[in-house]
Amino acid sequence: MITCETAPRPAPLPAHVDVLVVGAGLSGIGAAYRLQTECPDRSYLILEARDRLGGTWDLFRYPGIRSDSDMFTLGYPFKPWKDAKAIADGASILSYIRETAEEFGIDKHIRYGAKVISIDWSRRNRVWNIIIQRDGQTTSMTAAFVYACAGYYNYDTGHAPQFPGQKNFRGQIVHPQFWPDGLDYDGKNIVVIGSGATAVTLVPAMASETTHVTMLQRTPTWISAVPSHDKKADWLREHLPERLAHRVARAKNVAFNIGFHQYCERFPKRARTLLQSQTTRILGPDAVREHFTPTYRPWEQRLCAAPGADIFKAMKVGHADVVTDTIDEFVPDGVRLTSGRVLQADIIVSATGLQLCTFGGIQPRIDGQAVDFADEFVWKGAMVSGLPNFAFCIGYTRLSWTLRADLSSRLVCKVLNWMKSKNFDTVAPVADDSMEPLPLFGLTSGYVQRSVGAFPKQSTSAPWKMAQNYVLDAVATLRNDFAQTLKPVARTDRNAA
């Protein structure tokens, strides 16, 4: 007898859910944990557009992909990081996210291949009408509250400027966001265009005795050499119970990161000297002066981490180098620079950054009318003025992403519980017309500047401003002052509508 095995049918979507989480990446899994532990009476569902969880850590497959923050702060506070490396590779982080989802039963709440096309708030019914594309078909459901945890950049499109003469290049052009499987670069000349975190990761990962890599940068970036292992955290794990050691290591690193950021803000000249000291010891003062002295202050743009000073060491032994210049045009054998020099290349990697988009590409509407986010403000870093029962998760730009993401998830849970205690079914932050607007992202990085106007603003006044200080933000975010700025609608009013 011949039997045929068929793939299991994807779990169906419910007609309605109390909380819809969009995205099953690092933030979405963390949000789910908070919801099921702090709001156990609320049903929730995670919709993931891709076929696997992990978000960024599953999407990006380029060589050397790793965290640029230590895993004691990038990891979850409720799930100890057990790996030896404090700066972890992408595969280890993805495994950690999967293990978390399975350990706490979160994976059972995920529906894969379900892309949220639109969400539309109905004032009459006081629910979100969700349109979803799944298996080539369009379906719908409703949710009382939507929590967007899909990040802030476009998964489908990276920032890929068109260079003059690009079609003339005989080699291969690769974008890190869409790294080809099995790309053979051994023995090749590689030119990596860019100087951000991706480029700083790619250069030492690809460079070897047989493969030469050139990082072509228009302007220098601040790069900080950091230890690959956290010796103090290792000592704590040897002498303390697992969870206690994780909490202490996390607190230690939070304090250090806040302190270092404040040091850079208050003493930029000293911070410059400190950041350049190890680079100078490895490469010498001339290289530092020409290629590693940015014109902006440390942390005015995101600081790139170099575990074990790997990029500088690759340059010292001659496996890699850096060129600071601008591109005139691509030529058949590589890149011709404005100076006239030609960089020979078999492969060009365009590490030119991300393309940002609001809430993972979701465009919220109210009764069919699109919301213009440029006119709105962000409340406590998570909710948008005038937008009912909606929150989004964006982590820190100057500290570990998850520190801020976890605060946002805890805030959402506190708001949901406050709504229940007050018998409200709808809340929305109310902005004051006198508030002074500030950009949501306080960085001058190119990928941030390209998105100006696409995101709502923050304000100088509390509780509308993120301090980029975990302790201050934790106090402000979790304070029970909802009645001052959230406009509620009583559940009893719904019956009269």
Protein backbone atom coordinates (compact mmCIF):
# COMPACT_ATOMS: atom_id res chain seq x y z
CA MET A 1 0.00 0.00 0.00
CA ILE A 2 1.34 3.44 -0.94
CA THR A 3 0.72 6.29 1.47
CA CYS A 4 1.17 9.94 0.65
CA GLU A 5 2.32 12.39 3.31
CA THR A 6 1.05 15.91 2.99
CA ALA A 7 2.33 19.01 4.74
CA PRO A 8 0.32 19.90 7.81
CA ARG A 9 -2.30 22.54 7.22
CA PRO A 10 -1.40 25.87 8.83
CA ALA A 11 -3.34 26.59 11.98
CA PRO A 12 -6.44 28.66 11.26
CA LEU A 13 -6.81 32.28 12.27
CA PRO A 14 -9.35 33.11 14.97
CA ALA A 15 -12.17 35.48 14.17
CA HIS A 16 -11.17 37.78 17.04
CA VAL A 17 -8.35 38.15 19.52
CA ASP A 18 -7.82 40.50 22.45
CA VAL A 19 -4.25 41.46 21.48
CA LEU A 20 -2.70 41.02 18.06
CA VAL A 21 1.11 41.05 17.99
CA VAL A 22 2.63 41.70 14.57
CA GLY A 23 6.04 40.08 14.13
CA ALA A 24 7.72 37.02 15.66
CA GLY A 25 11.22 38.42 16.03
CA LEU A 26 13.17 39.27 19.15
CA SER A 27 10.61 41.91 20.15
CA GLY A 28 7.50 39.90 19.30
CA ILE A 29 8.54 36.87 21.34
CA GLY A 30 9.39 39.13 24.28
CA ALA A 31 6.01 40.84 23.96
CA ALA A 32 4.24 37.48 23.99
CA TYR A 33 5.99 36.46 27.20
CA ARG A 34 4.90 39.65 28.92
CA LEU A 35 1.32 39.31 27.70
CA GLN A 36 0.86 35.74 28.89
CA THR A 37 2.50 36.37 32.28
CA GLU A 38 1.16 39.85 33.10
CA CYS A 39 -2.19 39.75 31.24
CA PRO A 40 -3.12 36.04 31.45
CA ASP A 41 -6.81 36.81 30.97
CA ARG A 42 -6.20 38.31 27.52
CA SER A 43 -6.03 36.15 24.40
CA TYR A 44 -3.21 36.98 22.02
CA LEU A 45 -1.94 35.92 18.62
CA ILE A 46 1.30 36.60 16.76
CA LEU A 47 1.16 37.07 13.00
CA GLU A 48 4.48 36.56 11.19
CA ALA A 49 4.74 37.38 7.50
CA ARG A 50 7.69 35.06 6.97
CA ASP A 51 7.72 31.27 7.33
CA ARG A 52 10.03 31.27 10.36
CA LEU A 53 10.42 33.19 13.58
CA GLY A 54 13.48 35.26 14.40
CA GLY A 55 12.91 38.43 12.40
CA THR A 56 16.22 40.18 11.72
CA TRP A 57 18.21 37.21 13.00
CA ASP A 58 16.59 34.86 10.53
CA LEU A 59 16.50 37.28 7.59
CA PHE A 60 20.15 38.35 7.56
CA ARG A 61 22.58 35.62 6.50
CA TYR A 62 25.71 37.55 5.54
CA PRO A 63 29.11 36.37 6.84
CA GLY A 64 29.87 37.27 10.44
CA ILE A 65 26.43 38.59 11.32
CA ARG A 66 26.35 39.21 15.05
CA SER A 67 24.97 41.46 17.73
CA ASP A 68 26.52 44.87 18.26
CA SER A 69 25.37 44.86 21.89
CA ASP A 70 26.20 42.43 24.67
CA MET A 71 23.73 39.58 25.01
CA PHE A 72 23.13 40.18 28.70
CA THR A 73 21.26 43.36 27.70
CA LEU A 74 20.17 42.38 24.18
CA GLY A 75 18.77 39.13 25.57
CA TYR A 76 15.58 38.85 27.61
CA PRO A 77 15.62 39.66 31.34
CA PHE A 78 13.54 36.52 31.99
CA LYS A 79 15.69 34.14 29.92
CA PRO A 80 19.37 33.84 30.97
CA TRP A 81 21.97 34.01 28.21
CA LYS A 82 24.11 30.86 28.59
CA ASP A 83 26.53 31.11 25.68
CA ALA A 84 30.17 31.95 26.38
CA LYS A 85 30.29 34.85 23.92
CA ALA A 86 28.89 38.15 25.13
CA ILE A 87 28.87 39.48 21.54
CA ALA A 88 27.00 36.64 19.85
CA ASP A 89 26.76 35.47 16.26
CA GLY A 90 23.43 35.54 14.45
CA ALA A 91 22.89 31.78 14.55
CA SER A 92 23.27 31.72 18.34
CA ILE A 93 20.82 34.58 18.76
CA LEU A 94 18.29 32.88 16.48
CA SER A 95 18.63 29.67 18.48
CA TYR A 96 18.08 31.65 21.69
CA ILE A 97 14.86 33.20 20.33
CA ARG A 98 13.55 29.81 19.19
CA GLU A 99 14.39 28.22 22.52
CA THR A 100 12.55 31.02 24.35
CA ALA A 101 9.44 30.60 22.19
CA GLU A 102 9.37 26.84 22.77
CA GLU A 103 10.17 26.96 26.49
CA PHE A 104 7.27 29.29 27.29
CA GLY A 105 4.79 27.87 24.78
CA ILE A 106 4.81 31.06 22.72
CA ASP A 107 5.35 29.13 19.49
CA LYS A 108 1.80 27.77 19.74
CA HIS A 109 0.46 31.32 19.40
CA ILE A 110 2.31 32.10 16.14
CA ARG A 111 0.74 31.97 12.68
CA TYR A 112 3.37 31.97 9.93
CA GLY A 113 3.09 33.23 6.38
CA ALA A 114 0.46 35.71 7.53
CA LYS A 115 1.28 39.21 6.31
CA VAL A 116 -0.76 42.05 7.74
CA ILE A 117 -1.86 44.19 4.80
CA SER A 118 -3.85 46.81 6.68
CA ILE A 119 -5.45 47.61 10.01
CA ASP A 120 -8.50 49.84 10.23
CA TRP A 121 -10.00 51.04 13.51
CA SER A 122 -13.78 51.04 13.62
CA ARG A 123 -15.12 53.78 15.89
CA ARG A 124 -18.54 52.15 15.82
CA ASN A 125 -17.46 48.65 16.82
CA ARG A 126 -14.30 49.70 18.69
CA VAL A 127 -12.12 47.01 17.18
CA TRP A 128 -9.34 46.81 14.66
CA ASN A 129 -10.34 45.24 11.36
CA ILE A 130 -7.26 43.32 10.20
CA ILE A 131 -6.69 42.36 6.55
CA ILE A 132 -4.21 39.51 6.15
CA GLN A 133 -2.60 37.88 3.15
CA ARG A 134 -1.94 34.17 3.66
CA ASP A 135 -1.36 31.31 1.25
CA GLY A 136 -2.10 33.61 -1.67
CA GLN A 137 -5.49 34.50 -0.26
CA THR A 138 -6.83 37.50 1.61
CA THR A 139 -8.59 36.94 4.91
CA SER A 140 -9.65 39.06 7.85
CA MET A 141 -10.07 39.08 11.59
CA THR A 142 -10.59 41.61 14.36
CA ALA A 143 -8.55 42.58 17.39
CA ALA A 144 -9.28 44.77 20.38
CA PHE A 145 -5.64 45.93 20.60
CA VAL A 146 -2.76 45.86 18.09
CA TYR A 147 0.87 45.76 19.13
CA ALA A 148 3.28 46.18 16.19
CA CYS A 149 6.59 44.42 16.89
CA ALA A 150 7.83 44.26 13.30
CA GLY A 151 10.73 46.66 13.72
CA TYR A 152 11.35 49.83 11.78
CA TYR A 153 12.89 48.81 8.49
CA ASN A 154 11.65 47.26 5.27
CA TYR A 155 12.31 43.51 5.08
CA ASP A 156 11.62 43.46 1.35
CA THR A 157 13.85 46.34 0.24
CA GLY A 158 17.21 47.59 1.45
CA HIS A 159 18.73 50.98 0.71
CA ALA A 160 20.52 50.34 -2.57
CA PRO A 161 21.57 53.49 -4.42
CA GLN A 162 22.34 53.16 -8.12
CA PHE A 163 25.98 53.97 -8.80
CA PRO A 164 27.19 55.42 -12.13
CA GLY A 165 28.36 52.70 -14.50
CA GLN A 166 26.97 49.94 -12.30
CA LYS A 167 25.93 47.86 -15.33
CA ASN A 168 29.50 47.89 -16.62
CA PHE A 169 30.88 45.92 -13.68
CA ARG A 170 31.72 42.35 -14.75
CA GLY A 171 31.68 40.90 -11.25
CA GLN A 172 28.86 40.29 -8.79
CA ILE A 173 27.08 42.97 -6.73
CA VAL A 174 25.58 41.80 -3.45
CA HIS A 175 23.39 43.53 -0.86
CA PRO A 176 23.85 42.12 2.67
CA GLN A 177 20.10 42.03 3.31
CA PHE A 178 19.73 39.50 0.48
CA TRP A 179 22.92 37.48 0.74
CA PRO A 180 23.01 34.71 -1.89
CA ASP A 181 23.25 31.15 -0.59
CA GLY A 182 26.61 29.55 -1.20
CA LEU A 183 28.38 32.68 -2.43
CA ASP A 184 32.00 31.67 -3.06
CA TYR A 185 34.31 34.56 -2.24
CA ASP A 186 37.44 32.62 -1.36
CA GLY A 187 40.46 33.95 -3.21
CA LYS A 188 38.54 36.97 -4.50
CA ASN A 189 39.03 40.72 -4.17
CA ILE A 190 36.09 42.17 -2.28
CA VAL A 191 35.07 45.81 -2.02
CA VAL A 192 32.57 46.58 0.75
CA ILE A 193 30.89 49.96 0.22
CA GLY A 194 29.92 51.48 3.56
CA SER A 195 31.28 52.01 7.04
CA GLY A 196 28.34 51.17 9.30
CA ALA A 197 27.78 48.16 11.53
CA THR A 198 27.21 45.79 8.59
CA ALA A 199 30.44 46.77 6.85
CA VAL A 200 32.41 46.61 10.10
CA THR A 201 31.08 43.07 10.59
CA LEU A 202 31.61 41.88 7.01
CA VAL A 203 35.22 42.99 6.55
CA PRO A 204 36.90 40.81 9.22
CA ALA A 205 34.49 37.91 8.57
CA MET A 206 35.36 37.71 4.86
CA ALA A 207 39.05 38.65 5.00
CA SER A 208 41.64 35.88 5.05
CA GLU A 209 45.05 34.94 3.70
CA THR A 210 43.47 34.26 0.31
CA THR A 211 40.67 36.83 0.29
CA HIS A 212 41.38 40.56 0.41
CA VAL A 213 38.64 42.95 1.51
CA THR A 214 38.62 46.72 1.09
CA MET A 215 36.16 48.83 3.07
CA LEU A 216 35.33 51.86 0.92
CA GLN A 217 33.90 54.63 3.05
CA ARG A 218 32.79 58.11 2.17
CA THR A 219 33.37 59.32 5.73
CA PRO A 220 34.76 57.58 8.83
CA THR A 221 32.58 55.99 11.50
CA TRP A 222 33.25 55.64 15.22
CA ILE A 223 34.29 52.03 15.86
CA SER A 224 34.83 50.75 19.37
CA ALA A 225 36.94 47.68 20.09
CA VAL A 226 35.08 45.58 22.68
CA PRO A 227 35.86 42.25 24.35
CA SER A 228 34.31 39.16 22.76
CA HIS A 229 33.88 37.63 26.22
CA ASP A 230 32.64 39.27 29.40
CA LYS A 231 35.06 38.02 32.04
CA LYS A 232 33.11 39.53 34.92
CA ALA A 233 29.92 37.90 33.70
CA ASP A 234 31.77 34.58 33.35
CA TRP A 235 32.91 34.88 36.98
CA LEU A 236 29.34 35.66 38.09
CA ARG A 237 28.02 32.57 36.29
CA GLU A 238 30.62 30.41 37.98
CA HIS A 239 29.80 31.61 41.49
CA LEU A 240 26.08 32.48 41.47
CA PRO A 241 22.85 30.68 40.54
CA GLU A 242 22.03 31.03 36.85
CA ARG A 243 19.18 33.54 37.04
CA LEU A 244 20.84 35.67 39.71
CA ALA A 245 24.08 35.77 37.72
CA HIS A 246 22.14 36.85 34.63
CA ARG A 247 20.40 39.66 36.52
CA VAL A 248 23.62 40.93 38.05
CA ALA A 249 25.51 40.78 34.73
CA ARG A 250 22.64 42.55 33.03
CA ALA A 251 22.54 45.30 35.68
CA LYS A 252 26.33 45.69 35.44
CA ASN A 253 26.23 46.12 31.68
CA VAL A 254 23.24 48.44 31.77
CA ALA A 255 25.10 50.69 34.21
CA PHE A 256 28.25 50.60 32.07
CA ASN A 257 26.41 51.36 28.82
CA ILE A 258 24.49 54.26 30.36
CA GLY A 259 27.66 55.59 31.95
CA PHE A 260 29.65 55.37 28.72
CA HIS A 261 26.91 57.07 26.71
CA GLN A 262 26.74 59.88 29.27
CA TYR A 263 30.53 60.15 29.19
CA CYS A 264 30.46 60.57 25.40
CA GLU A 265 27.73 63.22 25.69
CA ARG A 266 29.45 65.25 28.39
CA PHE A 267 33.10 64.77 27.46
CA PRO A 268 33.21 64.26 23.68
CA LYS A 269 36.92 65.14 23.35
CA ARG A 270 37.93 62.63 26.01
CA ALA A 271 35.63 60.04 24.43
CA ARG A 272 37.34 60.58 21.07
CA THR A 273 40.74 59.97 22.63
CA LEU A 274 39.50 56.87 24.44
CA LEU A 275 37.87 55.34 21.35
CA GLN A 276 40.94 55.97 19.20
CA SER A 277 43.55 54.76 21.69
CA GLN A 278 43.39 51.04 20.87
CA THR A 279 43.05 51.69 17.14
CA THR A 280 46.19 53.83 17.31
CA ARG A 281 48.10 51.06 19.08
CA ILE A 282 47.16 48.56 16.35
CA LEU A 283 47.27 50.63 13.16
CA GLY A 284 49.27 53.71 14.09
CA PRO A 285 48.35 57.41 14.27
CA ASP A 286 48.44 58.09 10.51
CA ALA A 287 45.76 55.49 9.71
CA VAL A 288 43.62 56.72 12.59
CA ARG A 289 43.92 60.33 11.47
CA GLU A 290 42.98 59.52 7.88
CA HIS A 291 40.39 56.76 8.22
CA PHE A 292 39.11 56.56 11.81
CA THR A 293 38.49 60.16 12.87
CA PRO A 294 34.83 61.02 12.20
CA THR A 295 33.71 64.63 11.99
CA TYR A 296 30.76 64.02 14.32
CA ARG A 297 30.82 63.38 18.07
CA PRO A 298 30.76 59.85 19.50
CA TRP A 299 27.18 58.54 19.70
CA GLU A 300 25.84 61.30 17.45
CA GLN A 301 25.46 58.28 15.19
CA ARG A 302 25.31 54.69 16.37
CA LEU A 303 28.65 53.36 17.61
CA CYS A 304 29.95 50.28 15.77
CA ALA A 305 31.39 47.45 17.85
CA ALA A 306 34.48 45.47 16.85
CA PRO A 307 34.73 42.35 19.06
CA GLY A 308 38.33 41.67 19.90
CA ALA A 309 39.30 44.58 17.61
CA ASP A 310 38.83 42.12 14.73
CA ILE A 311 38.57 44.65 11.90
CA PHE A 312 41.71 46.49 13.00
CA LYS A 313 43.66 43.26 13.33
CA ALA A 314 42.58 42.13 9.85
CA MET A 315 43.92 45.40 8.49
CA LYS A 316 47.17 45.13 10.43
CA VAL A 317 48.06 41.75 8.90
CA GLY A 318 47.14 42.95 5.41
CA HIS A 319 44.01 40.88 4.84
CA ALA A 320 41.90 44.03 4.69
CA ASP A 321 42.30 47.75 4.23
CA VAL A 322 40.19 50.89 4.31
CA VAL A 323 39.90 53.62 1.68
CA THR A 324 38.25 56.95 2.39
CA ASP A 325 37.03 58.43 -0.88
CA THR A 326 33.93 58.83 -3.05
CA ILE A 327 32.84 56.80 -6.06
CA ASP A 328 33.26 58.25 -9.53
CA GLU A 329 31.84 55.21 -11.33
CA PHE A 330 31.88 51.45 -11.56
CA VAL A 331 34.22 50.05 -14.21
CA PRO A 332 34.42 46.48 -15.55
CA ASP A 333 37.13 45.48 -13.08
CA GLY A 334 35.96 47.35 -9.99
CA VAL A 335 35.35 50.88 -8.73
CA ARG A 336 36.99 54.07 -9.91
CA LEU A 337 37.22 56.70 -7.20
CA THR A 338 37.01 60.45 -7.47
CA SER A 339 40.77 60.55 -6.85
CA GLY A 340 41.27 58.47 -10.00
CA ARG A 341 42.32 55.31 -8.19
CA VAL A 342 40.68 52.06 -9.29
CA LEU A 343 39.83 49.45 -6.64
CA GLN A 344 40.03 46.00 -8.24
CA ALA A 345 37.02 43.87 -7.30
CA ASP A 346 35.53 40.50 -8.15
CA ILE A 347 32.61 41.08 -5.78
CA ILE A 348 31.17 44.40 -4.57
CA VAL A 349 29.10 44.36 -1.40
CA SER A 350 26.76 47.34 -1.15
CA ALA A 351 26.51 47.72 2.64
CA THR A 352 24.68 50.99 2.15
CA GLY A 353 22.09 50.65 4.89
CA LEU A 354 18.45 50.00 5.56
CA GLN A 355 15.21 51.39 4.21
CA LEU A 356 13.05 52.43 7.15
CA CYS A 357 9.28 52.13 7.26
CA THR A 358 6.68 52.72 9.93
CA PHE A 359 5.57 49.77 12.03
CA GLY A 360 6.92 47.14 9.66
CA GLY A 361 5.06 48.66 6.73
CA ILE A 362 1.62 48.75 8.35
CA GLN A 363 -0.47 51.86 7.64
CA PRO A 364 -3.11 52.22 10.38
CA ARG A 365 -6.41 53.78 9.40
CA ILE A 366 -9.36 55.07 11.37
CA ASP A 367 -12.72 54.44 9.67
CA GLY A 368 -10.88 54.08 6.39
CA GLN A 369 -8.86 57.29 6.70
CA ALA A 370 -5.06 56.98 6.81
CA VAL A 371 -3.32 58.51 9.81
CA ASP A 372 -0.66 61.13 9.04
CA PHE A 373 2.06 60.21 11.49
CA ALA A 374 4.06 63.36 10.80
CA ASP A 375 1.41 65.27 12.79
CA GLU A 376 1.32 62.87 15.74
CA PHE A 377 3.39 62.36 18.90
CA VAL A 378 4.67 59.21 20.58
CA TRP A 379 3.56 58.64 24.16
CA LYS A 380 6.07 56.87 26.44
CA GLY A 381 7.90 55.56 23.41
CA ALA A 382 5.13 53.13 22.49
CA MET A 383 1.70 54.62 21.72
CA VAL A 384 0.68 57.25 19.16
CA SER A 385 -1.48 60.28 19.89
CA GLY A 386 -4.99 59.95 18.54
CA LEU A 387 -4.56 56.29 17.61
CA PRO A 388 -6.82 54.07 19.76
CA ASN A 389 -5.67 50.75 21.22
CA PHE A 390 -2.43 50.67 19.28
CA ALA A 391 1.19 50.37 20.38
CA PHE A 392 4.46 49.77 18.59
CA CYS A 393 7.81 48.43 19.70
CA ILE A 394 11.04 50.20 18.78
CA GLY A 395 14.14 49.54 20.81
CA TYR A 396 16.94 51.86 21.74
CA THR A 397 19.25 53.36 19.15
CA ARG A 398 21.99 54.11 21.69
CA LEU A 399 21.62 51.14 24.03
CA SER A 400 20.64 47.51 23.53
CA TRP A 401 17.43 47.18 21.54
CA THR A 402 15.73 44.82 23.98
CA LEU A 403 16.09 47.13 26.98
CA ARG A 404 13.63 49.54 25.41
CA ALA A 405 11.54 46.83 23.74
CA ASP A 406 10.88 45.08 27.04
CA LEU A 407 9.88 48.36 28.68
CA SER A 408 7.37 48.93 25.88
CA SER A 409 5.88 45.45 26.30
CA ARG A 410 5.56 45.91 30.05
CA LEU A 411 3.91 49.29 29.42
CA VAL A 412 1.37 47.71 27.05
CA CYS A 413 0.50 45.15 29.73
CA LYS A 414 0.08 47.86 32.37
CA VAL A 415 -2.18 49.85 30.06
CA LEU A 416 -4.30 46.77 29.32
CA ASN A 417 -4.66 45.99 33.03
CA TRP A 418 -5.47 49.64 33.80
CA MET A 419 -8.15 49.61 31.11
CA LYS A 420 -9.68 46.51 32.68
CA SER A 421 -9.65 48.00 36.17
CA LYS A 422 -11.38 51.16 34.92
CA ASN A 423 -13.80 49.29 32.66
CA PHE A 424 -12.51 51.04 29.54
CA ASP A 425 -12.37 49.31 26.19
CA THR A 426 -10.68 52.11 24.22
CA VAL A 427 -7.81 54.44 25.07
CA ALA A 428 -5.64 56.81 23.04
CA PRO A 429 -2.94 59.30 24.08
CA VAL A 430 -3.92 62.95 23.77
CA ALA A 431 -1.19 65.39 22.72
CA ASP A 432 -0.99 68.98 23.91
CA ASP A 433 -0.88 71.57 21.14
CA SER A 434 1.86 73.42 23.00
CA MET A 435 4.32 70.50 22.88
CA GLU A 436 7.64 71.14 21.18
CA PRO A 437 8.41 68.41 18.60
CA LEU A 438 11.63 66.40 18.49
CA PRO A 439 12.65 63.62 16.04
CA LEU A 440 11.76 60.14 17.25
CA PHE A 441 15.30 58.93 16.50
CA GLY A 442 17.96 61.24 17.89
CA LEU A 443 20.67 60.17 15.43
CA THR A 444 22.20 61.86 12.39
CA SER A 445 22.80 58.55 10.58
CA GLY A 446 21.85 58.48 6.90
CA TYR A 447 19.21 55.77 7.27
CA VAL A 448 17.53 57.86 9.98
CA GLN A 449 17.67 61.13 8.04
CA ARG A 450 16.11 59.43 4.99
CA SER A 451 13.04 58.59 7.08
CA VAL A 452 12.34 62.07 8.46
CA GLY A 453 8.59 62.70 8.27
CA ALA A 454 7.61 59.04 8.09
CA PHE A 455 7.45 58.51 11.85
CA PRO A 456 5.56 60.34 14.60
CA LYS A 457 7.51 62.77 16.79
CA GLN A 458 8.47 62.82 20.41
CA SER A 459 8.41 65.92 22.60
CA THR A 460 10.60 67.60 25.17
CA SER A 461 7.92 67.15 27.81
CA ALA A 462 7.27 64.02 29.86
CA PRO A 463 5.86 61.45 29.27
CA TRP A 464 6.39 62.05 25.54
CA LYS A 465 10.18 61.87 25.42
CA MET A 466 12.55 58.90 25.61
CA ALA A 467 15.60 59.75 27.68
CA GLN A 468 17.85 57.09 26.10
CA ASN A 469 18.66 56.24 29.71
CA TYR A 470 17.27 52.88 30.78
CA VAL A 471 16.82 53.78 34.44
CA LEU A 472 15.05 57.07 33.73
CA ASP A 473 12.94 55.52 30.99
CA ALA A 474 11.98 52.58 33.21
CA VAL A 475 10.69 54.97 35.89
CA ALA A 476 8.85 57.15 33.36
CA THR A 477 7.46 54.27 31.29
CA LEU A 478 6.11 52.20 34.14
CA ARG A 479 4.71 55.03 36.24
CA ASN A 480 0.94 54.76 36.71
CA ASP A 481 0.08 58.21 35.36
CA PHE A 482 -2.17 57.01 32.55
CA ALA A 483 -5.17 59.13 33.52
CA GLN A 484 -3.25 62.33 32.75
CA THR A 485 -2.59 61.63 29.09
CA LEU A 486 -4.71 58.64 27.95
CA LYS A 487 -8.24 59.42 26.81
CA PRO A 488 -10.50 56.52 27.80
CA VAL A 489 -13.88 55.47 26.48
CA ALA A 490 -16.02 53.55 28.96
CA ARG A 491 -17.30 50.12 27.98
CA THR A 492 -20.76 51.17 29.08
CA ASP A 493 -20.72 53.87 26.38
CA ARG A 494 -20.35 51.19 23.73
CA ASN A 495 -23.88 49.92 24.28
CA ALA A 496 -25.24 53.38 23.64
CA ALA A 497 -23.33 53.82 20.35
